[in-house]
PDB file of all heavy atoms in Angstrom:
ATOM      1  N   GLY A   1      30.709  42.035   6.413  1.00  0.00           N
ATOM      2  CA  GLY A   1      31.075  43.451   6.484  1.00  0.00           C
ATOM      3  C   GLY A   1      31.113  44.104   5.114  1.00  0.00           C
ATOM      4  O   GLY A   1      32.000  44.893   4.829  1.00  0.00           O
ATOM      5  N   GLU A   2      30.143  43.778   4.285  1.00  0.00           N
ATOM      6  CA  GLU A   2      30.083  44.303   2.927  1.00  0.00           C
ATOM      7  C   GLU A   2      28.794  45.111   2.708  1.00  0.00           C
ATOM      8  O   GLU A   2      27.922  44.719   1.938  1.00  0.00           O
ATOM      9  CB  GLU A   2      30.169  43.164   1.908  1.00  0.00           C
ATOM     10  CG  GLU A   2      31.481  42.421   1.959  1.00  0.00           C
ATOM     11  CD  GLU A   2      31.624  41.409   0.841  1.00  0.00           C
ATOM     12  OE1 GLU A   2      30.990  41.572  -0.218  1.00  0.00           O
ATOM     13  OE2 GLU A   2      32.388  40.457   1.030  1.00  0.00           O
ATOM     14  N   PRO A   3      28.695  46.264   3.347  1.00  0.00           N
ATOM     15  CA  PRO A   3      27.492  47.083   3.129  1.00  0.00           C
ATOM     16  C   PRO A   3      27.586  47.829   1.797  1.00  0.00           C
ATOM     17  O   PRO A   3      28.673  48.186   1.347  1.00  0.00           O
ATOM     18  CB  PRO A   3      27.548  48.076   4.294  1.00  0.00           C
ATOM     19  CG  PRO A   3      29.016  48.237   4.552  1.00  0.00           C
ATOM     20  CD  PRO A   3      29.619  46.868   4.298  1.00  0.00           C
ATOM     21  N   PHE A   4      26.471  48.009   1.148  1.00  0.00           N
ATOM     22  CA  PHE A   4      26.428  48.790  -0.082  1.00  0.00           C
ATOM     23  C   PHE A   4      26.308  50.264   0.306  1.00  0.00           C
ATOM     24  O   PHE A   4      25.273  50.709   0.794  1.00  0.00           O
ATOM     25  CB  PHE A   4      25.260  48.357  -0.964  1.00  0.00           C
ATOM     26  CG  PHE A   4      25.335  46.922  -1.387  1.00  0.00           C
ATOM     27  CD1 PHE A   4      24.212  46.124  -1.385  1.00  0.00           C
ATOM     28  CD2 PHE A   4      26.533  46.354  -1.782  1.00  0.00           C
ATOM     29  CE1 PHE A   4      24.268  44.801  -1.787  1.00  0.00           C
ATOM     30  CE2 PHE A   4      26.612  45.023  -2.184  1.00  0.00           C
ATOM     31  CZ  PHE A   4      25.469  44.252  -2.183  1.00  0.00           C
ATOM     32  N   LEU A   5      27.372  51.021   0.092  1.00  0.00           N
ATOM     33  CA  LEU A   5      27.415  52.414   0.523  1.00  0.00           C
ATOM     34  C   LEU A   5      27.117  53.406  -0.595  1.00  0.00           C
ATOM     35  O   LEU A   5      26.779  54.547  -0.333  1.00  0.00           O
ATOM     36  CB  LEU A   5      28.796  52.727   1.121  1.00  0.00           C
ATOM     37  CG  LEU A   5      29.197  51.880   2.323  1.00  0.00           C
ATOM     38  CD1 LEU A   5      30.623  52.204   2.742  1.00  0.00           C
ATOM     39  CD2 LEU A   5      28.226  52.090   3.470  1.00  0.00           C
ATOM     40  N   TRP A   6      27.296  52.991  -1.845  1.00  0.00           N
ATOM     41  CA  TRP A   6      27.076  53.880  -2.975  1.00  0.00           C
ATOM     42  C   TRP A   6      26.308  53.141  -4.047  1.00  0.00           C
ATOM     43  O   TRP A   6      26.597  51.988  -4.352  1.00  0.00           O
ATOM     44  CB  TRP A   6      28.418  54.365  -3.542  1.00  0.00           C
ATOM     45  CG  TRP A   6      28.281  55.285  -4.715  1.00  0.00           C
ATOM     46  CD1 TRP A   6      27.869  56.582  -4.686  1.00  0.00           C
ATOM     47  CD2 TRP A   6      28.548  54.973  -6.087  1.00  0.00           C
ATOM     48  NE1 TRP A   6      27.869  57.106  -5.966  1.00  0.00           N
ATOM     49  CE2 TRP A   6      28.284  56.131  -6.843  1.00  0.00           C
ATOM     50  CE3 TRP A   6      28.979  53.827  -6.748  1.00  0.00           C
ATOM     51  CZ2 TRP A   6      28.435  56.191  -8.214  1.00  0.00           C
ATOM     52  CZ3 TRP A   6      29.129  53.880  -8.129  1.00  0.00           C
ATOM     53  CH2 TRP A   6      28.871  55.058  -8.850  1.00  0.00           C
ATOM     54  N   SER A   7      25.325  53.801  -4.592  1.00  0.00           N
ATOM     55  CA  SER A   7      24.552  53.234  -5.697  1.00  0.00           C
ATOM     56  C   SER A   7      24.128  54.371  -6.613  1.00  0.00           C
ATOM     57  O   SER A   7      24.175  55.548  -6.234  1.00  0.00           O
ATOM     58  CB  SER A   7      23.329  52.474  -5.170  1.00  0.00           C
ATOM     59  OG  SER A   7      22.478  53.342  -4.446  1.00  0.00           O
ATOM     60  N   ILE A   8      23.734  54.015  -7.812  1.00  0.00           N
ATOM     61  CA  ILE A   8      23.308  55.013  -8.799  1.00  0.00           C
ATOM     62  C   ILE A   8      22.336  54.325  -9.762  1.00  0.00           C
ATOM     63  O   ILE A   8      22.424  53.110  -9.974  1.00  0.00           O
ATOM     64  CB  ILE A   8      24.532  55.597  -9.552  1.00  0.00           C
ATOM     65  CG1 ILE A   8      24.147  56.771 -10.437  1.00  0.00           C
ATOM     66  CG2 ILE A   8      25.268  54.523 -10.320  1.00  0.00           C
ATOM     67  CD1 ILE A   8      25.356  57.533 -11.006  1.00  0.00           C
ATOM     68  N   GLU A   9      21.432  55.099 -10.320  1.00  0.00           N
ATOM     69  CA  GLU A   9      20.523  54.550 -11.308  1.00  0.00           C
ATOM     70  C   GLU A   9      21.331  54.210 -12.559  1.00  0.00           C
ATOM     71  O   GLU A   9      22.153  55.020 -13.007  1.00  0.00           O
ATOM     72  CB  GLU A   9      19.423  55.552 -11.673  1.00  0.00           C
ATOM     73  CG  GLU A   9      18.516  55.923 -10.524  1.00  0.00           C
ATOM     74  CD  GLU A   9      19.038  57.112  -9.707  1.00  0.00           C
ATOM     75  OE1 GLU A   9      20.177  57.569  -9.937  1.00  0.00           O
ATOM     76  OE2 GLU A   9      18.303  57.566  -8.824  1.00  0.00           O
ATOM     77  N   PRO A  10      21.132  53.031 -13.136  1.00  0.00           N
ATOM     78  CA  PRO A  10      21.917  52.657 -14.320  1.00  0.00           C
ATOM     79  C   PRO A  10      21.852  53.688 -15.446  1.00  0.00           C
ATOM     80  O   PRO A  10      22.856  53.927 -16.117  1.00  0.00           O
ATOM     81  CB  PRO A  10      21.310  51.316 -14.741  1.00  0.00           C
ATOM     82  CG  PRO A  10      20.829  50.721 -13.449  1.00  0.00           C
ATOM     83  CD  PRO A  10      20.291  51.911 -12.674  1.00  0.00           C
ATOM     84  N   HIS A  11      20.697  54.318 -15.649  1.00  0.00           N
ATOM     85  CA  HIS A  11      20.588  55.303 -16.725  1.00  0.00           C
ATOM     86  C   HIS A  11      21.436  56.544 -16.468  1.00  0.00           C
ATOM     87  O   HIS A  11      21.707  57.321 -17.388  1.00  0.00           O
ATOM     88  CB  HIS A  11      19.121  55.698 -16.962  1.00  0.00           C
ATOM     89  CG  HIS A  11      18.527  56.473 -15.822  1.00  0.00           C
ATOM     90  ND1 HIS A  11      18.701  57.819 -15.668  1.00  0.00           N
ATOM     91  CD2 HIS A  11      17.784  56.069 -14.767  1.00  0.00           C
ATOM     92  CE1 HIS A  11      18.079  58.223 -14.564  1.00  0.00           C
ATOM     93  NE2 HIS A  11      17.513  57.175 -14.002  1.00  0.00           N
ATOM     94  N   ALA A  12      21.900  56.753 -15.235  1.00  0.00           N
ATOM     95  CA  ALA A  12      22.671  57.945 -14.880  1.00  0.00           C
ATOM     96  C   ALA A  12      24.181  57.715 -14.902  1.00  0.00           C
ATOM     97  O   ALA A  12      24.948  58.660 -14.704  1.00  0.00           O
ATOM     98  CB  ALA A  12      22.248  58.432 -13.494  1.00  0.00           C
ATOM     99  N   ILE A  13      24.635  56.496 -15.157  1.00  0.00           N
ATOM    100  CA  ILE A  13      26.061  56.202 -15.049  1.00  0.00           C
ATOM    101  C   ILE A  13      26.881  56.898 -16.132  1.00  0.00           C
ATOM    102  O   ILE A  13      27.999  57.347 -15.876  1.00  0.00           O
ATOM    103  CB  ILE A  13      26.331  54.672 -15.011  1.00  0.00           C
ATOM    104  CG1 ILE A  13      27.720  54.385 -14.438  1.00  0.00           C
ATOM    105  CG2 ILE A  13      26.156  54.048 -16.372  1.00  0.00           C
ATOM    106  CD1 ILE A  13      27.865  54.657 -12.985  1.00  0.00           C
ATOM    107  N   SER A  14      26.347  57.033 -17.338  1.00  0.00           N
ATOM    108  CA  SER A  14      27.086  57.704 -18.409  1.00  0.00           C
ATOM    109  C   SER A  14      27.379  59.157 -18.032  1.00  0.00           C
ATOM    110  O   SER A  14      28.505  59.638 -18.185  1.00  0.00           O
ATOM    111  CB  SER A  14      26.302  57.645 -19.718  1.00  0.00           C
ATOM    112  OG  SER A  14      27.013  58.279 -20.752  1.00  0.00           O
ATOM    113  N   GLU A  15      26.380  59.857 -17.537  1.00  0.00           N
ATOM    114  CA  GLU A  15      26.574  61.248 -17.114  1.00  0.00           C
ATOM    115  C   GLU A  15      27.536  61.324 -15.927  1.00  0.00           C
ATOM    116  O   GLU A  15      28.378  62.216 -15.862  1.00  0.00           O
ATOM    117  CB  GLU A  15      25.240  61.887 -16.743  1.00  0.00           C
ATOM    118  CG  GLU A  15      25.372  63.331 -16.317  1.00  0.00           C
ATOM    119  CD  GLU A  15      24.041  63.965 -15.942  1.00  0.00           C
ATOM    120  OE1 GLU A  15      22.984  63.309 -16.070  1.00  0.00           O
ATOM    121  OE2 GLU A  15      24.078  65.127 -15.510  1.00  0.00           O
ATOM    122  N   PHE A  16      27.431  60.371 -15.006  1.00  0.00           N
ATOM    123  CA  PHE A  16      28.310  60.357 -13.838  1.00  0.00           C
ATOM    124  C   PHE A  16      29.774  60.266 -14.251  1.00  0.00           C
ATOM    125  O   PHE A  16      30.602  61.057 -13.805  1.00  0.00           O
ATOM    126  CB  PHE A  16      27.950  59.190 -12.908  1.00  0.00           C
ATOM    127  CG  PHE A  16      28.868  59.069 -11.736  1.00  0.00           C
ATOM    128  CD1 PHE A  16      28.669  59.829 -10.596  1.00  0.00           C
ATOM    129  CD2 PHE A  16      29.963  58.206 -11.775  1.00  0.00           C
ATOM    130  CE1 PHE A  16      29.537  59.737  -9.514  1.00  0.00           C
ATOM    131  CE2 PHE A  16      30.829  58.104 -10.698  1.00  0.00           C
ATOM    132  CZ  PHE A  16      30.621  58.881  -9.571  1.00  0.00           C
ATOM    133  N   VAL A  17      30.124  59.310 -15.116  1.00  0.00           N
ATOM    134  CA  VAL A  17      31.533  59.172 -15.506  1.00  0.00           C
ATOM    135  C   VAL A  17      31.970  60.329 -16.405  1.00  0.00           C
ATOM    136  O   VAL A  17      33.110  60.785 -16.332  1.00  0.00           O
ATOM    137  CB  VAL A  17      31.840  57.790 -16.140  1.00  0.00           C
ATOM    138  CG1 VAL A  17      31.580  56.677 -15.150  1.00  0.00           C
ATOM    139  CG2 VAL A  17      31.096  57.573 -17.439  1.00  0.00           C
ATOM    140  N   SER A  18      31.061  60.831 -17.236  1.00  0.00           N
ATOM    141  CA  SER A  18      31.377  61.957 -18.108  1.00  0.00           C
ATOM    142  C   SER A  18      31.756  63.202 -17.302  1.00  0.00           C
ATOM    143  O   SER A  18      32.719  63.900 -17.640  1.00  0.00           O
ATOM    144  CB  SER A  18      30.193  62.250 -19.020  1.00  0.00           C
ATOM    145  OG  SER A  18      30.444  63.378 -19.827  1.00  0.00           O
ATOM    146  N   LYS A  19      31.029  63.475 -16.245  1.00  0.00           N
ATOM    147  CA  LYS A  19      31.330  64.631 -15.391  1.00  0.00           C
ATOM    148  C   LYS A  19      32.692  64.501 -14.720  1.00  0.00           C
ATOM    149  O   LYS A  19      33.235  65.473 -14.230  1.00  0.00           O
ATOM    150  CB  LYS A  19      30.252  64.798 -14.316  1.00  0.00           C
ATOM    151  CG  LYS A  19      28.971  65.382 -14.823  1.00  0.00           C
ATOM    152  CD  LYS A  19      28.005  65.585 -13.676  1.00  0.00           C
ATOM    153  CE  LYS A  19      26.743  66.267 -14.142  1.00  0.00           C
ATOM    154  NZ  LYS A  19      25.797  66.487 -13.038  1.00  0.00           N
ATOM    155  N   ARG A  20      33.237  63.294 -14.704  1.00  0.00           N
ATOM    156  CA  ARG A  20      34.529  63.049 -14.066  1.00  0.00           C
ATOM    157  C   ARG A  20      35.637  62.827 -15.088  1.00  0.00           C
ATOM    158  O   ARG A  20      36.709  62.336 -14.769  1.00  0.00           O
ATOM    159  CB  ARG A  20      34.413  61.875 -13.104  1.00  0.00           C
ATOM    160  CG  ARG A  20      33.795  62.370 -11.819  1.00  0.00           C
ATOM    161  CD  ARG A  20      32.749  61.469 -11.228  1.00  0.00           C
ATOM    162  NE  ARG A  20      32.042  62.234 -10.192  1.00  0.00           N
ATOM    163  CZ  ARG A  20      30.887  62.853 -10.399  1.00  0.00           C
ATOM    164  NH1 ARG A  20      30.306  62.810 -11.559  1.00  0.00           N
ATOM    165  NH2 ARG A  20      30.317  63.524  -9.425  1.00  0.00           N
ATOM    166  N   GLY A  21      35.375  63.204 -16.339  1.00  0.00           N
ATOM    167  CA  GLY A  21      36.398  63.160 -17.372  1.00  0.00           C
ATOM    168  C   GLY A  21      36.539  61.840 -18.098  1.00  0.00           C
ATOM    169  O   GLY A  21      37.530  61.617 -18.797  1.00  0.00           O
ATOM    170  N   PHE A  22      35.559  60.967 -17.986  1.00  0.00           N
ATOM    171  CA  PHE A  22      35.619  59.653 -18.620  1.00  0.00           C
ATOM    172  C   PHE A  22      34.483  59.491 -19.618  1.00  0.00           C
ATOM    173  O   PHE A  22      33.474  60.190 -19.554  1.00  0.00           O
ATOM    174  CB  PHE A  22      35.540  58.536 -17.574  1.00  0.00           C
ATOM    175  CG  PHE A  22      36.800  58.371 -16.787  1.00  0.00           C
ATOM    176  CD1 PHE A  22      37.096  59.216 -15.733  1.00  0.00           C
ATOM    177  CD2 PHE A  22      37.709  57.384 -17.122  1.00  0.00           C
ATOM    178  CE1 PHE A  22      38.269  59.079 -15.013  1.00  0.00           C
ATOM    179  CE2 PHE A  22      38.882  57.237 -16.407  1.00  0.00           C
ATOM    180  CZ  PHE A  22      39.169  58.089 -15.349  1.00  0.00           C
ATOM    181  N   ARG A  23      34.670  58.550 -20.526  1.00  0.00           N
ATOM    182  CA  ARG A  23      33.645  58.217 -21.515  1.00  0.00           C
ATOM    183  C   ARG A  23      33.184  56.796 -21.244  1.00  0.00           C
ATOM    184  O   ARG A  23      34.004  55.881 -21.109  1.00  0.00           O
ATOM    185  CB  ARG A  23      34.239  58.315 -22.921  1.00  0.00           C
ATOM    186  CG  ARG A  23      33.290  57.944 -24.031  1.00  0.00           C
ATOM    187  CD  ARG A  23      33.947  58.124 -25.400  1.00  0.00           C
ATOM    188  NE  ARG A  23      35.125  57.283 -25.570  1.00  0.00           N
ATOM    189  CZ  ARG A  23      35.100  56.024 -26.020  1.00  0.00           C
ATOM    190  NH1 ARG A  23      33.950  55.455 -26.325  1.00  0.00           N
ATOM    191  NH2 ARG A  23      36.210  55.346 -26.167  1.00  0.00           N
ATOM    192  N   LEU A  24      31.888  56.609 -21.162  1.00  0.00           N
ATOM    193  CA  LEU A  24      31.332  55.277 -20.971  1.00  0.00           C
ATOM    194  C   LEU A  24      31.575  54.456 -22.221  1.00  0.00           C
ATOM    195  O   LEU A  24      31.213  54.857 -23.316  1.00  0.00           O
ATOM    196  CB  LEU A  24      29.827  55.352 -20.679  1.00  0.00           C
ATOM    197  CG  LEU A  24      29.117  54.015 -20.503  1.00  0.00           C
ATOM    198  CD1 LEU A  24      29.616  53.308 -19.245  1.00  0.00           C
ATOM    199  CD2 LEU A  24      27.616  54.220 -20.439  1.00  0.00           C
ATOM    200  N   MET A  25      32.227  53.311 -22.048  1.00  0.00           N
ATOM    201  CA  MET A  25      32.472  52.420 -23.176  1.00  0.00           C
ATOM    202  C   MET A  25      31.456  51.289 -23.203  1.00  0.00           C
ATOM    203  O   MET A  25      30.969  50.907 -24.265  1.00  0.00           O
ATOM    204  CB  MET A  25      33.887  51.861 -23.101  1.00  0.00           C
ATOM    205  CG  MET A  25      34.947  52.931 -23.234  1.00  0.00           C
ATOM    206  SD  MET A  25      36.589  52.250 -23.130  1.00  0.00           S
ATOM    207  CE  MET A  25      36.642  51.256 -24.606  1.00  0.00           C
ATOM    208  N   GLU A  26      31.162  50.750 -22.021  1.00  0.00           N
ATOM    209  CA  GLU A  26      30.218  49.635 -21.972  1.00  0.00           C
ATOM    210  C   GLU A  26      29.621  49.529 -20.578  1.00  0.00           C
ATOM    211  O   GLU A  26      30.287  49.807 -19.586  1.00  0.00           O
ATOM    212  CB  GLU A  26      30.933  48.326 -22.324  1.00  0.00           C
ATOM    213  CG  GLU A  26      30.000  47.165 -22.536  1.00  0.00           C
ATOM    214  CD  GLU A  26      30.697  45.966 -23.154  1.00  0.00           C
ATOM    215  OE1 GLU A  26      31.827  46.086 -23.629  1.00  0.00           O
ATOM    216  OE2 GLU A  26      30.071  44.895 -23.134  1.00  0.00           O
ATOM    217  N   ILE A  27      28.366  49.128 -20.541  1.00  0.00           N
ATOM    218  CA  ILE A  27      27.700  48.828 -19.279  1.00  0.00           C
ATOM    219  C   ILE A  27      27.018  47.470 -19.446  1.00  0.00           C
ATOM    220  O   ILE A  27      26.422  47.194 -20.489  1.00  0.00           O
ATOM    221  CB  ILE A  27      26.688  49.922 -18.868  1.00  0.00           C
ATOM    222  CG1 ILE A  27      26.041  49.578 -17.525  1.00  0.00           C
ATOM    223  CG2 ILE A  27      25.662  50.146 -19.934  1.00  0.00           C
ATOM    224  CD1 ILE A  27      25.198  50.694 -16.931  1.00  0.00           C
ATOM    225  N   ALA A  28      27.169  46.635 -18.439  1.00  0.00           N
ATOM    226  CA  ALA A  28      26.519  45.324 -18.441  1.00  0.00           C
ATOM    227  C   ALA A  28      25.641  45.250 -17.202  1.00  0.00           C
ATOM    228  O   ALA A  28      26.137  45.248 -16.077  1.00  0.00           O
ATOM    229  CB  ALA A  28      27.559  44.204 -18.433  1.00  0.00           C
ATOM    230  N   LEU A  29      24.345  45.227 -17.424  1.00  0.00           N
ATOM    231  CA  LEU A  29      23.391  45.115 -16.328  1.00  0.00           C
ATOM    232  C   LEU A  29      23.301  43.655 -15.891  1.00  0.00           C
ATOM    233  O   LEU A  29      23.669  42.748 -16.638  1.00  0.00           O
ATOM    234  CB  LEU A  29      22.024  45.630 -16.759  1.00  0.00           C
ATOM    235  CG  LEU A  29      21.994  47.072 -17.254  1.00  0.00           C
ATOM    236  CD1 LEU A  29      20.603  47.439 -17.732  1.00  0.00           C
ATOM    237  CD2 LEU A  29      22.479  48.033 -16.192  1.00  0.00           C
ATOM    238  N   THR A  30      22.799  43.436 -14.700  1.00  0.00           N
ATOM    239  CA  THR A  30      22.692  42.078 -14.173  1.00  0.00           C
ATOM    240  C   THR A  30      21.999  41.153 -15.160  1.00  0.00           C
ATOM    241  O   THR A  30      22.449  40.034 -15.395  1.00  0.00           O
ATOM    242  CB  THR A  30      21.932  42.077 -12.827  1.00  0.00           C
ATOM    243  OG1 THR A  30      22.566  42.972 -11.946  1.00  0.00           O
ATOM    244  CG2 THR A  30      21.904  40.701 -12.220  1.00  0.00           C
ATOM    245  N   GLN A  31      20.909  41.609 -15.763  1.00  0.00           N
ATOM    246  CA  GLN A  31      20.174  40.766 -16.698  1.00  0.00           C
ATOM    247  C   GLN A  31      21.026  40.392 -17.911  1.00  0.00           C
ATOM    248  O   GLN A  31      20.820  39.352 -18.523  1.00  0.00           O
ATOM    249  CB  GLN A  31      18.883  41.443 -17.174  1.00  0.00           C
ATOM    250  CG  GLN A  31      17.838  41.562 -16.132  1.00  0.00           C
ATOM    251  CD  GLN A  31      18.006  42.837 -15.312  1.00  0.00           C
ATOM    252  OE1 GLN A  31      18.777  43.713 -15.644  1.00  0.00           O
ATOM    253  NE2 GLN A  31      17.283  42.915 -14.222  1.00  0.00           N
ATOM    254  N   ASP A  32      21.989  41.240 -18.277  1.00  0.00           N
ATOM    255  CA  ASP A  32      22.886  40.927 -19.393  1.00  0.00           C
ATOM    256  C   ASP A  32      23.837  39.790 -19.032  1.00  0.00           C
ATOM    257  O   ASP A  32      24.363  39.109 -19.907  1.00  0.00           O
ATOM    258  CB  ASP A  32      23.727  42.148 -19.771  1.00  0.00           C
ATOM    259  CG  ASP A  32      22.897  43.335 -20.203  1.00  0.00           C
ATOM    260  OD1 ASP A  32      21.772  43.126 -20.711  1.00  0.00           O
ATOM    261  OD2 ASP A  32      23.370  44.470 -20.032  1.00  0.00           O
ATOM    262  N   LEU A  33      24.096  39.615 -17.738  1.00  0.00           N
ATOM    263  CA  LEU A  33      25.090  38.657 -17.279  1.00  0.00           C
ATOM    264  C   LEU A  33      24.486  37.364 -16.746  1.00  0.00           C
ATOM    265  O   LEU A  33      25.215  36.449 -16.390  1.00  0.00           O
ATOM    266  CB  LEU A  33      25.936  39.298 -16.169  1.00  0.00           C
ATOM    267  CG  LEU A  33      26.641  40.599 -16.562  1.00  0.00           C
ATOM    268  CD1 LEU A  33      27.259  41.260 -15.342  1.00  0.00           C
ATOM    269  CD2 LEU A  33      27.677  40.343 -17.633  1.00  0.00           C
ATOM    270  N   THR A  34      23.166  37.294 -16.666  1.00  0.00           N
ATOM    271  CA  THR A  34      22.490  36.106 -16.137  1.00  0.00           C
ATOM    272  C   THR A  34      21.631  35.476 -17.225  1.00  0.00           C
ATOM    273  O   THR A  34      21.461  36.031 -18.307  1.00  0.00           O
ATOM    274  CB  THR A  34      21.599  36.465 -14.926  1.00  0.00           C
ATOM    275  OG1 THR A  34      20.624  37.432 -15.332  1.00  0.00           O
ATOM    276  CG2 THR A  34      22.417  37.018 -13.786  1.00  0.00           C
ATOM    277  N   ALA A  35      21.073  34.332 -16.910  1.00  0.00           N
ATOM    278  CA  ALA A  35      20.193  33.647 -17.854  1.00  0.00           C
ATOM    279  C   ALA A  35      18.997  34.540 -18.183  1.00  0.00           C
ATOM    280  O   ALA A  35      18.541  35.325 -17.352  1.00  0.00           O
ATOM    281  CB  ALA A  35      19.721  32.331 -17.251  1.00  0.00           C
ATOM    282  N   ASN A  36      18.481  34.408 -19.375  1.00  0.00           N
ATOM    283  CA  ASN A  36      17.359  35.240 -19.821  1.00  0.00           C
ATOM    284  C   ASN A  36      16.149  35.146 -18.916  1.00  0.00           C
ATOM    285  O   ASN A  36      15.379  36.091 -18.812  1.00  0.00           O
ATOM    286  CB  ASN A  36      16.961  34.869 -21.248  1.00  0.00           C
ATOM    287  CG  ASN A  36      18.018  35.276 -22.246  1.00  0.00           C
ATOM    288  OD1 ASN A  36      18.850  36.124 -21.969  1.00  0.00           O
ATOM    289  ND2 ASN A  36      17.991  34.652 -23.406  1.00  0.00           N
ATOM    290  N   ASP A  37      15.961  34.012 -18.252  1.00  0.00           N
ATOM    291  CA  ASP A  37      14.783  33.848 -17.417  1.00  0.00           C
ATOM    292  C   ASP A  37      15.024  34.278 -15.968  1.00  0.00           C
ATOM    293  O   ASP A  37      14.159  34.142 -15.123  1.00  0.00           O
ATOM    294  CB  ASP A  37      14.293  32.399 -17.457  1.00  0.00           C
ATOM    295  CG  ASP A  37      15.355  31.422 -16.962  1.00  0.00           C
ATOM    296  OD1 ASP A  37      16.532  31.807 -16.850  1.00  0.00           O
ATOM    297  OD2 ASP A  37      14.997  30.262 -16.696  1.00  0.00           O
ATOM    298  N   SER A  38      16.196  34.840 -15.697  1.00  0.00           N
ATOM    299  CA  SER A  38      16.521  35.254 -14.335  1.00  0.00           C
ATOM    300  C   SER A  38      15.831  36.569 -13.994  1.00  0.00           C
ATOM    301  O   SER A  38      15.769  37.480 -14.810  1.00  0.00           O
ATOM    302  CB  SER A  38      18.027  35.425 -14.187  1.00  0.00           C
ATOM    303  OG  SER A  38      18.326  35.957 -12.915  1.00  0.00           O
ATOM    304  N   SER A  39      15.338  36.667 -12.777  1.00  0.00           N
ATOM    305  CA  SER A  39      14.754  37.923 -12.317  1.00  0.00           C
ATOM    306  C   SER A  39      15.740  38.681 -11.438  1.00  0.00           C
ATOM    307  O   SER A  39      15.421  39.741 -10.921  1.00  0.00           O
ATOM    308  CB  SER A  39      13.463  37.650 -11.546  1.00  0.00           C
ATOM    309  OG  SER A  39      13.743  36.876 -10.395  1.00  0.00           O
ATOM    310  N   LEU A  40      16.956  38.140 -11.264  1.00  0.00           N
ATOM    311  CA  LEU A  40      17.965  38.778 -10.426  1.00  0.00           C
ATOM    312  C   LEU A  40      18.349  40.124 -11.015  1.00  0.00           C
ATOM    313  O   LEU A  40      18.531  40.272 -12.216  1.00  0.00           O
ATOM    314  CB  LEU A  40      19.206  37.891 -10.315  1.00  0.00           C
ATOM    315  CG  LEU A  40      20.319  38.409  -9.406  1.00  0.00           C
ATOM    316  CD1 LEU A  40      19.827  38.467  -7.957  1.00  0.00           C
ATOM    317  CD2 LEU A  40      21.546  37.529  -9.512  1.00  0.00           C
ATOM    318  N   ASP A  41      18.476  41.118 -10.150  1.00  0.00           N
ATOM    319  CA  ASP A  41      18.835  42.464 -10.583  1.00  0.00           C
ATOM    320  C   ASP A  41      19.614  43.131  -9.473  1.00  0.00           C
ATOM    321  O   ASP A  41      19.497  42.766  -8.305  1.00  0.00           O
ATOM    322  CB  ASP A  41      17.572  43.264 -10.900  1.00  0.00           C
ATOM    323  CG  ASP A  41      17.853  44.477 -11.776  1.00  0.00           C
ATOM    324  OD1 ASP A  41      19.012  44.667 -12.195  1.00  0.00           O
ATOM    325  OD2 ASP A  41      16.908  45.231 -12.043  1.00  0.00           O
ATOM    326  N   GLY A  42      20.427  44.122  -9.811  1.00  0.00           N
ATOM    327  CA  GLY A  42      21.081  44.920  -8.791  1.00  0.00           C
ATOM    328  C   GLY A  42      22.510  45.290  -9.047  1.00  0.00           C
ATOM    329  O   GLY A  42      22.870  46.452  -8.972  1.00  0.00           O
ATOM    330  N   GLU A  43      23.394  44.329  -9.349  1.00  0.00           N
ATOM    331  CA  GLU A  43      24.815  44.650  -9.533  1.00  0.00           C
ATOM    332  C   GLU A  43      25.115  44.760 -11.027  1.00  0.00           C
ATOM    333  O   GLU A  43      24.691  43.924 -11.818  1.00  0.00           O
ATOM    334  CB  GLU A  43      25.712  43.593  -8.911  1.00  0.00           C
ATOM    335  CG  GLU A  43      27.175  43.975  -8.963  1.00  0.00           C
ATOM    336  CD  GLU A  43      28.081  43.025  -8.207  1.00  0.00           C
ATOM    337  OE1 GLU A  43      27.603  41.998  -7.698  1.00  0.00           O
ATOM    338  OE2 GLU A  43      29.279  43.317  -8.134  1.00  0.00           O
TER     339      GLU A  43
END
């Protein structure tokens, strides 16, 4: 029962949080969190 209901393009996240009164401090893409040879992407 874990459907993905909301998503956003990673390049748009800074503007998204900024419009809501926040400053982006850091973003870690899936490739940043997995082995360099991983093709996994998404979260």
